[in-house]
Amino acid sequence: MKLVFATNNRNKLKEVQSLVPDNIKLLSLQDIGCKENIPETQPTIEGNAIQKAEYVKDNYGYNCFADDTGLEVEVLNGEPGVYSARYAGPQRNSEDNMDKLLENLKDKPNRNGHFKTVIALHLNGELQTFTGICKGDITSEKYGKKGFGYDPIFKANGYSETFAEISLEEKNKIGHRGKAVQKLINYLKTV
């Protein structure tokens, strides 16, 4: 089965390709000639995932799935949430985003948060969504060199290391994207 994964993020593509069974061939946006930035104008993570999947289906005609992910911090009323990638501005710089979040959490004892991924699948004219959540805490400084985005400041519950310090395999087992992708895979096995 061929499916388009509606992303230009090479790190996400690598993560998901490592999880998907061999009988599912993933195509990237580059593979289908989609060079434009797909709109993400919805007020929710789920809405953005659906919008991206519909865009590829409507404009390119492929069965596809898209995801959107956000880090939601309890004491900040869910910030950065849907704005996670551009929290510190339109430049989408991970270092700036982490710095802003750490500054906003300065002197706050409650550092609870969670990563949330929603995958929207358009397959044979039907839409399905799959959600994965990983709960944890925001550290007070950055640790580790692996991963991307907020990984250096996020420690999953039960772990003493950040996502940027553990292996990709371990992150996929416990992480939000891995959980959502596993639900997607389980669904694809039934169709």
N, C-alpha and C. Protein backbone atom coordinates (compact mmCIF):
# COMPACT_ATOMS: atom_id res chain seq x y z
N MET A 1 0.84 -1.17 0.00
CA MET A 1 0.00 0.00 0.00
C MET A 1 0.89 1.24 0.00
N LYS A 2 0.53 2.24 -0.82
CA LYS A 2 1.24 3.51 -0.86
C LYS A 2 0.40 4.58 -0.18
N LEU A 3 1.03 5.33 0.70
CA LEU A 3 0.37 6.42 1.41
C LEU A 3 1.29 7.62 1.42
N VAL A 4 0.72 8.80 1.24
CA VAL A 4 1.50 10.02 1.39
C VAL A 4 1.45 10.43 2.85
N PHE A 5 2.62 10.74 3.40
CA PHE A 5 2.71 11.35 4.72
C PHE A 5 2.93 12.83 4.46
N ALA A 6 1.94 13.64 4.78
CA ALA A 6 1.94 15.06 4.43
C ALA A 6 2.85 15.86 5.36
N THR A 7 4.15 15.73 5.13
CA THR A 7 5.12 16.49 5.92
C THR A 7 6.35 16.81 5.08
N ASN A 8 6.98 17.91 5.42
CA ASN A 8 8.30 18.25 4.88
C ASN A 8 9.36 18.09 5.96
N ASN A 9 8.95 17.67 7.15
CA ASN A 9 9.85 17.53 8.28
C ASN A 9 10.56 16.18 8.18
N ARG A 10 11.82 16.21 7.82
CA ARG A 10 12.61 14.98 7.64
C ARG A 10 12.70 14.16 8.93
N ASN A 11 12.76 14.85 10.08
CA ASN A 11 12.84 14.13 11.35
C ASN A 11 11.57 13.33 11.62
N LYS A 12 10.43 13.94 11.35
CA LYS A 12 9.15 13.23 11.52
C LYS A 12 9.08 12.05 10.57
N LEU A 13 9.47 12.28 9.31
CA LEU A 13 9.43 11.23 8.30
C LEU A 13 10.29 10.04 8.73
N LYS A 14 11.47 10.32 9.23
CA LYS A 14 12.38 9.26 9.70
C LYS A 14 11.76 8.49 10.86
N GLU A 15 11.19 9.23 11.81
CA GLU A 15 10.55 8.58 12.96
C GLU A 15 9.43 7.65 12.52
N VAL A 16 8.55 8.16 11.65
CA VAL A 16 7.38 7.37 11.25
C VAL A 16 7.80 6.20 10.36
N GLN A 17 8.74 6.40 9.44
CA GLN A 17 9.20 5.30 8.59
C GLN A 17 9.75 4.15 9.42
N SER A 18 10.38 4.46 10.56
CA SER A 18 10.92 3.40 11.41
C SER A 18 9.82 2.61 12.12
N LEU A 19 8.61 3.13 12.13
CA LEU A 19 7.49 2.47 12.81
C LEU A 19 6.55 1.71 11.88
N VAL A 20 6.48 2.14 10.62
CA VAL A 20 5.50 1.60 9.68
C VAL A 20 5.97 0.25 9.13
N PRO A 21 5.08 -0.74 9.02
CA PRO A 21 5.47 -2.04 8.47
C PRO A 21 5.96 -1.93 7.02
N ASP A 22 6.75 -2.90 6.62
CA ASP A 22 7.37 -2.89 5.28
C ASP A 22 6.36 -2.87 4.14
N ASN A 23 5.15 -3.40 4.37
CA ASN A 23 4.17 -3.46 3.27
C ASN A 23 3.50 -2.12 3.00
N ILE A 24 3.82 -1.11 3.83
CA ILE A 24 3.28 0.24 3.61
C ILE A 24 4.43 1.13 3.16
N LYS A 25 4.32 1.62 1.91
CA LYS A 25 5.35 2.51 1.38
C LYS A 25 4.90 3.94 1.57
N LEU A 26 5.71 4.70 2.31
CA LEU A 26 5.39 6.09 2.54
C LEU A 26 5.99 6.97 1.46
N LEU A 27 5.20 7.89 0.98
CA LEU A 27 5.66 8.91 0.06
C LEU A 27 5.64 10.24 0.80
N SER A 28 6.65 11.05 0.57
CA SER A 28 6.69 12.38 1.19
C SER A 28 6.01 13.39 0.28
N LEU A 29 5.83 14.59 0.78
CA LEU A 29 5.29 15.66 -0.06
C LEU A 29 6.22 15.92 -1.25
N GLN A 30 7.50 15.83 -1.00
CA GLN A 30 8.48 16.01 -2.09
C GLN A 30 8.29 14.94 -3.17
N ASP A 31 8.02 13.71 -2.76
CA ASP A 31 7.82 12.61 -3.71
C ASP A 31 6.65 12.86 -4.65
N ILE A 32 5.63 13.59 -4.19
CA ILE A 32 4.45 13.84 -5.05
C ILE A 32 4.50 15.22 -5.70
N GLY A 33 5.60 15.94 -5.51
CA GLY A 33 5.75 17.25 -6.14
C GLY A 33 5.05 18.39 -5.43
N CYS A 34 4.70 18.20 -4.18
CA CYS A 34 4.05 19.26 -3.41
C CYS A 34 5.12 20.12 -2.76
N LYS A 35 5.29 21.31 -3.32
CA LYS A 35 6.34 22.21 -2.82
C LYS A 35 5.78 23.36 -1.99
N GLU A 36 4.47 23.58 -2.04
CA GLU A 36 3.88 24.68 -1.31
C GLU A 36 3.76 24.35 0.18
N ASN A 37 3.65 25.39 0.97
CA ASN A 37 3.37 25.20 2.40
C ASN A 37 1.88 24.94 2.57
N ILE A 38 1.56 23.79 3.13
CA ILE A 38 0.16 23.43 3.34
C ILE A 38 -0.37 24.26 4.50
N PRO A 39 -1.54 24.85 4.33
CA PRO A 39 -2.10 25.71 5.40
C PRO A 39 -2.32 24.95 6.71
N GLU A 40 -2.06 25.64 7.81
CA GLU A 40 -2.35 25.15 9.15
C GLU A 40 -3.02 26.29 9.88
N THR A 41 -4.30 26.51 9.60
CA THR A 41 -4.99 27.69 10.11
C THR A 41 -6.10 27.36 11.11
N GLN A 42 -6.18 26.11 11.52
CA GLN A 42 -7.24 25.70 12.43
C GLN A 42 -6.86 26.01 13.88
N PRO A 43 -7.83 26.18 14.77
CA PRO A 43 -7.55 26.52 16.16
C PRO A 43 -7.17 25.33 17.04
N THR A 44 -7.19 24.10 16.48
CA THR A 44 -6.84 22.92 17.27
C THR A 44 -5.82 22.07 16.53
N ILE A 45 -5.15 21.23 17.29
CA ILE A 45 -4.18 20.29 16.72
C ILE A 45 -4.91 19.33 15.78
N GLU A 46 -6.05 18.81 16.20
CA GLU A 46 -6.84 17.90 15.37
C GLU A 46 -7.27 18.59 14.07
N GLY A 47 -7.72 19.82 14.18
CA GLY A 47 -8.17 20.57 13.01
C GLY A 47 -7.06 20.77 11.99
N ASN A 48 -5.84 21.06 12.46
CA ASN A 48 -4.71 21.23 11.55
C ASN A 48 -4.35 19.92 10.84
N ALA A 49 -4.38 18.81 11.56
CA ALA A 49 -4.08 17.51 10.95
C ALA A 49 -5.09 17.20 9.84
N ILE A 50 -6.37 17.42 10.13
CA ILE A 50 -7.42 17.17 9.14
C ILE A 50 -7.25 18.10 7.94
N GLN A 51 -6.98 19.38 8.19
CA GLN A 51 -6.81 20.35 7.11
C GLN A 51 -5.67 19.93 6.17
N LYS A 52 -4.56 19.47 6.72
CA LYS A 52 -3.42 19.07 5.89
C LYS A 52 -3.74 17.82 5.06
N ALA A 53 -4.39 16.84 5.69
CA ALA A 53 -4.74 15.61 4.96
C ALA A 53 -5.73 15.91 3.84
N GLU A 54 -6.70 16.76 4.12
CA GLU A 54 -7.68 17.13 3.09
C GLU A 54 -7.01 17.90 1.95
N TYR A 55 -6.06 18.73 2.26
CA TYR A 55 -5.36 19.51 1.24
C TYR A 55 -4.66 18.59 0.23
N VAL A 56 -3.95 17.59 0.75
CA VAL A 56 -3.25 16.65 -0.14
C VAL A 56 -4.25 15.84 -0.95
N LYS A 57 -5.29 15.35 -0.31
CA LYS A 57 -6.31 14.56 -1.00
C LYS A 57 -6.99 15.39 -2.10
N ASP A 58 -7.38 16.63 -1.76
CA ASP A 58 -8.11 17.48 -2.70
C ASP A 58 -7.23 17.97 -3.85
N ASN A 59 -5.96 18.28 -3.57
CA ASN A 59 -5.09 18.88 -4.58
C ASN A 59 -4.21 17.90 -5.33
N TYR A 60 -3.97 16.72 -4.75
CA TYR A 60 -3.08 15.75 -5.40
C TYR A 60 -3.72 14.39 -5.62
N GLY A 61 -4.85 14.13 -4.97
CA GLY A 61 -5.61 12.91 -5.22
C GLY A 61 -5.07 11.65 -4.56
N TYR A 62 -4.15 11.77 -3.64
CA TYR A 62 -3.55 10.59 -3.00
C TYR A 62 -4.25 10.26 -1.69
N ASN A 63 -4.30 8.95 -1.38
CA ASN A 63 -4.59 8.55 -0.02
C ASN A 63 -3.44 9.07 0.82
N CYS A 64 -3.75 9.64 1.96
CA CYS A 64 -2.67 10.25 2.73
C CYS A 64 -3.03 10.35 4.20
N PHE A 65 -2.00 10.65 4.98
CA PHE A 65 -2.23 11.01 6.36
C PHE A 65 -1.33 12.19 6.70
N ALA A 66 -1.81 12.97 7.64
CA ALA A 66 -1.07 14.13 8.11
C ALA A 66 -1.15 14.15 9.62
N ASP A 67 -0.15 14.73 10.22
CA ASP A 67 -0.20 14.85 11.67
C ASP A 67 0.02 16.29 12.08
N ASP A 68 -0.40 16.58 13.27
CA ASP A 68 -0.04 17.83 13.91
C ASP A 68 0.25 17.49 15.35
N THR A 69 1.25 18.16 15.89
CA THR A 69 1.70 17.88 17.24
C THR A 69 1.86 19.18 17.98
N GLY A 70 1.54 19.15 19.25
CA GLY A 70 1.76 20.31 20.09
C GLY A 70 2.17 19.89 21.48
N LEU A 71 2.88 20.78 22.13
CA LEU A 71 3.23 20.61 23.53
C LEU A 71 2.28 21.48 24.32
N GLU A 72 1.54 20.88 25.23
CA GLU A 72 0.56 21.62 26.02
C GLU A 72 0.99 21.62 27.49
N VAL A 73 1.20 22.82 28.03
CA VAL A 73 1.70 22.97 29.40
C VAL A 73 0.56 23.44 30.30
N GLU A 74 0.34 22.67 31.36
CA GLU A 74 -0.80 22.87 32.26
C GLU A 74 -0.89 24.29 32.81
N VAL A 75 0.18 24.79 33.43
CA VAL A 75 0.15 26.08 34.10
C VAL A 75 0.05 27.26 33.12
N LEU A 76 0.31 27.00 31.84
CA LEU A 76 0.20 28.04 30.81
C LEU A 76 -1.09 27.89 30.00
N ASN A 77 -2.09 27.22 30.60
CA ASN A 77 -3.39 27.03 29.95
C ASN A 77 -3.28 26.38 28.57
N GLY A 78 -2.38 25.41 28.47
CA GLY A 78 -2.24 24.66 27.22
C GLY A 78 -1.25 25.23 26.22
N GLU A 79 -0.62 26.36 26.54
CA GLU A 79 0.41 26.89 25.63
C GLU A 79 1.61 25.95 25.64
N PRO A 80 2.37 25.92 24.58
CA PRO A 80 2.19 26.59 23.31
C PRO A 80 1.15 25.94 22.40
N GLY A 81 0.78 24.70 22.66
CA GLY A 81 -0.33 24.05 21.95
C GLY A 81 -0.21 24.08 20.45
N VAL A 82 -1.27 24.55 19.80
CA VAL A 82 -1.33 24.57 18.34
C VAL A 82 -0.24 25.48 17.74
N TYR A 83 0.32 26.37 18.56
CA TYR A 83 1.37 27.28 18.09
C TYR A 83 2.77 26.78 18.45
N SER A 84 2.93 25.51 18.79
CA SER A 84 4.22 24.99 19.26
C SER A 84 5.38 25.27 18.31
N ALA A 85 5.19 25.08 17.02
CA ALA A 85 6.28 25.26 16.06
C ALA A 85 6.66 26.73 15.89
N ARG A 86 5.72 27.62 16.13
CA ARG A 86 5.99 29.05 15.93
C ARG A 86 5.73 29.86 17.21
N TYR A 87 5.97 29.25 18.35
CA TYR A 87 5.72 29.86 19.65
C TYR A 87 6.49 31.16 19.83
N ALA A 88 7.73 31.19 19.38
CA ALA A 88 8.57 32.39 19.53
C ALA A 88 8.57 33.25 18.28
N GLY A 89 7.73 32.90 17.29
CA GLY A 89 7.65 33.71 16.07
C GLY A 89 7.62 32.87 14.82
N PRO A 90 7.39 33.52 13.68
CA PRO A 90 7.22 32.80 12.41
C PRO A 90 8.48 32.12 11.89
N GLN A 91 9.63 32.40 12.48
CA GLN A 91 10.87 31.77 12.03
C GLN A 91 10.94 30.28 12.38
N ARG A 92 10.04 29.81 13.25
CA ARG A 92 9.95 28.39 13.61
C ARG A 92 11.28 27.84 14.11
N ASN A 93 11.92 28.54 15.02
CA ASN A 93 13.22 28.14 15.54
C ASN A 93 13.06 27.43 16.87
N SER A 94 13.51 26.18 16.93
CA SER A 94 13.34 25.36 18.13
C SER A 94 14.02 25.97 19.35
N GLU A 95 15.22 26.49 19.17
CA GLU A 95 15.94 27.10 20.29
C GLU A 95 15.16 28.28 20.86
N ASP A 96 14.67 29.14 19.97
CA ASP A 96 13.87 30.29 20.41
C ASP A 96 12.60 29.84 21.13
N ASN A 97 11.95 28.81 20.58
CA ASN A 97 10.71 28.29 21.19
C ASN A 97 10.98 27.75 22.59
N MET A 98 12.04 26.97 22.73
CA MET A 98 12.37 26.43 24.05
C MET A 98 12.72 27.55 25.03
N ASP A 99 13.51 28.53 24.57
CA ASP A 99 13.90 29.64 25.44
C ASP A 99 12.67 30.40 25.94
N LYS A 100 11.72 30.64 25.03
CA LYS A 100 10.50 31.37 25.43
C LYS A 100 9.70 30.56 26.45
N LEU A 101 9.57 29.25 26.21
CA LEU A 101 8.82 28.41 27.14
C LEU A 101 9.50 28.37 28.51
N LEU A 102 10.81 28.20 28.52
CA LEU A 102 11.53 28.17 29.80
C LEU A 102 11.39 29.50 30.55
N GLU A 103 11.42 30.59 29.81
CA GLU A 103 11.24 31.91 30.43
C GLU A 103 9.83 32.03 31.01
N ASN A 104 8.82 31.57 30.27
CA ASN A 104 7.43 31.65 30.75
C ASN A 104 7.17 30.75 31.95
N LEU A 105 8.01 29.71 32.13
CA LEU A 105 7.85 28.80 33.27
C LEU A 105 8.77 29.13 34.43
N LYS A 106 9.58 30.16 34.26
CA LYS A 106 10.53 30.54 35.30
C LYS A 106 9.78 30.75 36.61
N ASP A 107 10.30 30.14 37.67
CA ASP A 107 9.73 30.28 39.02
C ASP A 107 8.34 29.67 39.17
N LYS A 108 7.90 28.85 38.22
CA LYS A 108 6.60 28.16 38.35
C LYS A 108 6.87 26.72 38.82
N PRO A 109 6.31 26.34 39.98
CA PRO A 109 6.57 24.99 40.48
C PRO A 109 5.88 23.89 39.65
N ASN A 110 4.71 24.19 39.10
CA ASN A 110 4.00 23.19 38.29
C ASN A 110 4.59 23.22 36.88
N ARG A 111 5.25 22.13 36.50
CA ARG A 111 5.88 22.06 35.17
C ARG A 111 5.28 20.91 34.36
N ASN A 112 4.06 20.49 34.75
CA ASN A 112 3.38 19.39 34.06
C ASN A 112 2.98 19.80 32.65
N GLY A 113 3.17 18.88 31.73
CA GLY A 113 2.74 19.11 30.36
C GLY A 113 2.62 17.80 29.63
N HIS A 114 2.16 17.87 28.41
CA HIS A 114 2.12 16.66 27.60
C HIS A 114 2.26 17.02 26.13
N PHE A 115 2.86 16.10 25.40
CA PHE A 115 2.87 16.18 23.95
C PHE A 115 1.62 15.49 23.45
N LYS A 116 1.01 16.08 22.44
CA LYS A 116 -0.18 15.49 21.83
C LYS A 116 0.01 15.47 20.32
N THR A 117 -0.16 14.30 19.73
CA THR A 117 -0.13 14.15 18.27
C THR A 117 -1.49 13.64 17.82
N VAL A 118 -2.01 14.27 16.77
CA VAL A 118 -3.22 13.77 16.11
C VAL A 118 -2.85 13.47 14.67
N ILE A 119 -3.19 12.27 14.23
CA ILE A 119 -3.00 11.88 12.83
C ILE A 119 -4.37 11.81 12.18
N ALA A 120 -4.50 12.46 11.04
CA ALA A 120 -5.72 12.39 10.25
C ALA A 120 -5.41 11.57 9.00
N LEU A 121 -6.18 10.52 8.77
CA LEU A 121 -5.99 9.63 7.62
C LEU A 121 -7.16 9.78 6.66
N HIS A 122 -6.83 10.09 5.41
CA HIS A 122 -7.81 10.07 4.32
C HIS A 122 -7.50 8.82 3.51
N LEU A 123 -8.38 7.83 3.56
CA LEU A 123 -8.15 6.57 2.86
C LEU A 123 -9.46 6.14 2.19
N ASN A 124 -9.40 6.03 0.89
CA ASN A 124 -10.55 5.58 0.11
C ASN A 124 -11.83 6.35 0.44
N GLY A 125 -11.70 7.66 0.54
CA GLY A 125 -12.85 8.52 0.76
C GLY A 125 -13.33 8.65 2.19
N GLU A 126 -12.65 8.00 3.13
CA GLU A 126 -13.05 8.08 4.53
C GLU A 126 -11.98 8.78 5.35
N LEU A 127 -12.41 9.49 6.38
CA LEU A 127 -11.50 10.19 7.28
C LEU A 127 -11.52 9.53 8.65
N GLN A 128 -10.35 9.24 9.18
CA GLN A 128 -10.19 8.69 10.54
C GLN A 128 -9.15 9.54 11.25
N THR A 129 -9.25 9.67 12.58
CA THR A 129 -8.21 10.34 13.35
C THR A 129 -7.72 9.43 14.46
N PHE A 130 -6.45 9.61 14.81
CA PHE A 130 -5.78 8.80 15.83
C PHE A 130 -4.97 9.75 16.71
N THR A 131 -5.12 9.63 18.03
CA THR A 131 -4.45 10.54 18.96
C THR A 131 -3.49 9.79 19.86
N GLY A 132 -2.32 10.39 20.06
CA GLY A 132 -1.33 9.87 20.99
C GLY A 132 -0.92 10.97 21.95
N ILE A 133 -0.83 10.64 23.23
CA ILE A 133 -0.44 11.62 24.26
C ILE A 133 0.68 11.01 25.11
N CYS A 134 1.68 11.85 25.41
CA CYS A 134 2.75 11.46 26.32
C CYS A 134 2.86 12.54 27.39
N LYS A 135 2.57 12.15 28.64
CA LYS A 135 2.60 13.09 29.76
C LYS A 135 4.00 13.15 30.36
N GLY A 136 4.33 14.33 30.90
CA GLY A 136 5.64 14.49 31.51
C GLY A 136 5.80 15.85 32.14
N ASP A 137 7.05 16.27 32.25
CA ASP A 137 7.39 17.55 32.87
C ASP A 137 8.36 18.32 31.97
N ILE A 138 8.30 19.64 32.10
CA ILE A 138 9.24 20.51 31.40
C ILE A 138 10.41 20.74 32.35
N THR A 139 11.62 20.47 31.88
CA THR A 139 12.81 20.67 32.70
C THR A 139 13.11 22.16 32.81
N SER A 140 14.04 22.52 33.67
CA SER A 140 14.38 23.94 33.84
C SER A 140 15.50 24.37 32.91
N GLU A 141 16.15 23.39 32.25
CA GLU A 141 17.16 23.71 31.24
C GLU A 141 17.20 22.58 30.21
N LYS A 142 17.98 22.80 29.15
CA LYS A 142 18.05 21.84 28.03
C LYS A 142 19.06 20.74 28.33
N TYR A 143 18.66 19.49 27.98
CA TYR A 143 19.55 18.34 28.15
C TYR A 143 19.47 17.47 26.90
N GLY A 144 20.62 17.06 26.38
CA GLY A 144 20.67 16.10 25.29
C GLY A 144 20.76 16.72 23.92
N LYS A 145 21.21 15.91 22.97
CA LYS A 145 21.44 16.38 21.59
C LYS A 145 20.60 15.64 20.56
N LYS A 146 19.87 14.60 20.99
CA LYS A 146 19.05 13.83 20.04
C LYS A 146 17.69 14.50 19.88
N GLY A 147 16.91 13.99 18.96
CA GLY A 147 15.54 14.48 18.80
C GLY A 147 15.50 15.84 18.14
N PHE A 148 14.37 16.51 18.30
CA PHE A 148 14.14 17.81 17.69
C PHE A 148 13.04 18.53 18.45
N GLY A 149 12.78 19.77 18.07
CA GLY A 149 11.72 20.54 18.72
C GLY A 149 11.99 20.73 20.20
N TYR A 150 11.02 20.42 21.02
CA TYR A 150 11.11 20.61 22.47
C TYR A 150 11.74 19.42 23.19
N ASP A 151 12.25 18.44 22.48
CA ASP A 151 12.79 17.22 23.09
C ASP A 151 13.81 17.48 24.20
N PRO A 152 14.71 18.48 24.07
CA PRO A 152 15.71 18.70 25.14
C PRO A 152 15.14 19.21 26.47
N ILE A 153 13.87 19.61 26.50
CA ILE A 153 13.30 20.11 27.75
C ILE A 153 12.08 19.31 28.21
N PHE A 154 11.84 18.16 27.59
CA PHE A 154 10.68 17.34 27.97
C PHE A 154 11.13 15.99 28.50
N LYS A 155 10.69 15.69 29.73
CA LYS A 155 10.98 14.42 30.38
C LYS A 155 9.66 13.68 30.57
N ALA A 156 9.52 12.53 29.95
CA ALA A 156 8.29 11.75 30.10
C ALA A 156 8.17 11.21 31.52
N ASN A 157 6.94 11.07 31.99
CA ASN A 157 6.70 10.51 33.32
C ASN A 157 7.41 9.17 33.45
N GLY A 158 8.11 8.99 34.57
CA GLY A 158 8.81 7.75 34.83
C GLY A 158 10.23 7.71 34.27
N TYR A 159 10.66 8.77 33.62
CA TYR A 159 12.01 8.82 33.02
C TYR A 159 12.84 9.91 33.67
N SER A 160 14.13 9.66 33.78
CA SER A 160 15.04 10.66 34.35
C SER A 160 15.78 11.42 33.26
N GLU A 161 15.58 11.03 32.01
CA GLU A 161 16.23 11.69 30.88
C GLU A 161 15.19 12.33 29.98
N THR A 162 15.60 13.38 29.26
CA THR A 162 14.71 14.03 28.32
C THR A 162 14.59 13.21 27.05
N PHE A 163 13.62 13.58 26.21
CA PHE A 163 13.48 12.94 24.89
C PHE A 163 14.75 13.10 24.06
N ALA A 164 15.53 14.15 24.31
CA ALA A 164 16.76 14.39 23.55
C ALA A 164 17.93 13.56 24.07
N GLU A 165 17.71 12.82 25.15
CA GLU A 165 18.76 11.98 25.71
C GLU A 165 18.51 10.48 25.49
N ILE A 166 17.28 10.11 25.18
CA ILE A 166 16.98 8.69 24.99
C ILE A 166 17.06 8.34 23.50
N SER A 167 17.09 7.04 23.21
CA SER A 167 17.19 6.60 21.82
C SER A 167 15.87 6.83 21.08
N LEU A 168 15.97 6.88 19.76
CA LEU A 168 14.78 7.03 18.92
C LEU A 168 13.83 5.85 19.15
N GLU A 169 14.39 4.65 19.31
CA GLU A 169 13.56 3.46 19.54
C GLU A 169 12.75 3.60 20.84
N GLU A 170 13.42 4.08 21.89
CA GLU A 170 12.73 4.25 23.17
C GLU A 170 11.68 5.36 23.07
N LYS A 171 12.04 6.45 22.41
CA LYS A 171 11.10 7.55 22.24
C LYS A 171 9.86 7.07 21.48
N ASN A 172 10.06 6.26 20.43
CA ASN A 172 8.92 5.76 19.66
C ASN A 172 8.01 4.87 20.49
N LYS A 173 8.57 4.15 21.46
CA LYS A 173 7.77 3.27 22.31
C LYS A 173 6.87 4.05 23.26
N ILE A 174 7.40 5.13 23.82
CA ILE A 174 6.67 5.85 24.87
C ILE A 174 6.06 7.16 24.39
N GLY A 175 6.48 7.65 23.23
CA GLY A 175 6.13 8.98 22.79
C GLY A 175 4.76 9.10 22.15
N HIS A 176 4.32 10.33 22.08
CA HIS A 176 3.03 10.70 21.52
C HIS A 176 2.88 10.28 20.06
N ARG A 177 3.90 10.57 19.25
CA ARG A 177 3.81 10.24 17.82
C ARG A 177 3.80 8.72 17.64
N GLY A 178 4.64 8.02 18.38
CA GLY A 178 4.65 6.56 18.31
C GLY A 178 3.32 5.95 18.66
N LYS A 179 2.67 6.49 19.68
CA LYS A 179 1.35 5.98 20.10
C LYS A 179 0.30 6.23 19.01
N ALA A 180 0.32 7.44 18.44
CA ALA A 180 -0.65 7.75 17.38
C ALA A 180 -0.39 6.91 16.14
N VAL A 181 0.89 6.75 15.78
CA VAL A 181 1.23 5.94 14.60
C VAL A 181 0.84 4.48 14.82
N GLN A 182 1.02 3.97 16.04
CA GLN A 182 0.62 2.58 16.31
C GLN A 182 -0.88 2.40 16.12
N LYS A 183 -1.67 3.38 16.54
CA LYS A 183 -3.12 3.31 16.31
C LYS A 183 -3.43 3.35 14.82
N LEU A 184 -2.70 4.18 14.07
CA LEU A 184 -2.85 4.24 12.61
C LEU A 184 -2.53 2.88 11.99
N ILE A 185 -1.40 2.30 12.38
CA ILE A 185 -0.98 1.00 11.84
C ILE A 185 -2.01 -0.09 12.16
N ASN A 186 -2.48 -0.11 13.40
CA ASN A 186 -3.50 -1.09 13.79
C ASN A 186 -4.75 -0.96 12.92
N TYR A 187 -5.12 0.27 12.63
CA TYR A 187 -6.28 0.50 11.77
C TYR A 187 -6.00 0.01 10.34
N LEU A 188 -4.81 0.35 9.82
CA LEU A 188 -4.47 -0.03 8.44
C LEU A 188 -4.45 -1.54 8.27
N LYS A 189 -4.16 -2.28 9.32
CA LYS A 189 -4.16 -3.75 9.24
C LYS A 189 -5.56 -4.31 9.07
N THR A 190 -6.58 -3.50 9.37
CA THR A 190 -7.96 -3.98 9.29
C THR A 190 -8.63 -3.64 7.97
N VAL A 191 -7.99 -2.82 7.13
CA VAL A 191 -8.63 -2.41 5.87
C VAL A 191 -8.07 -3.16 4.68
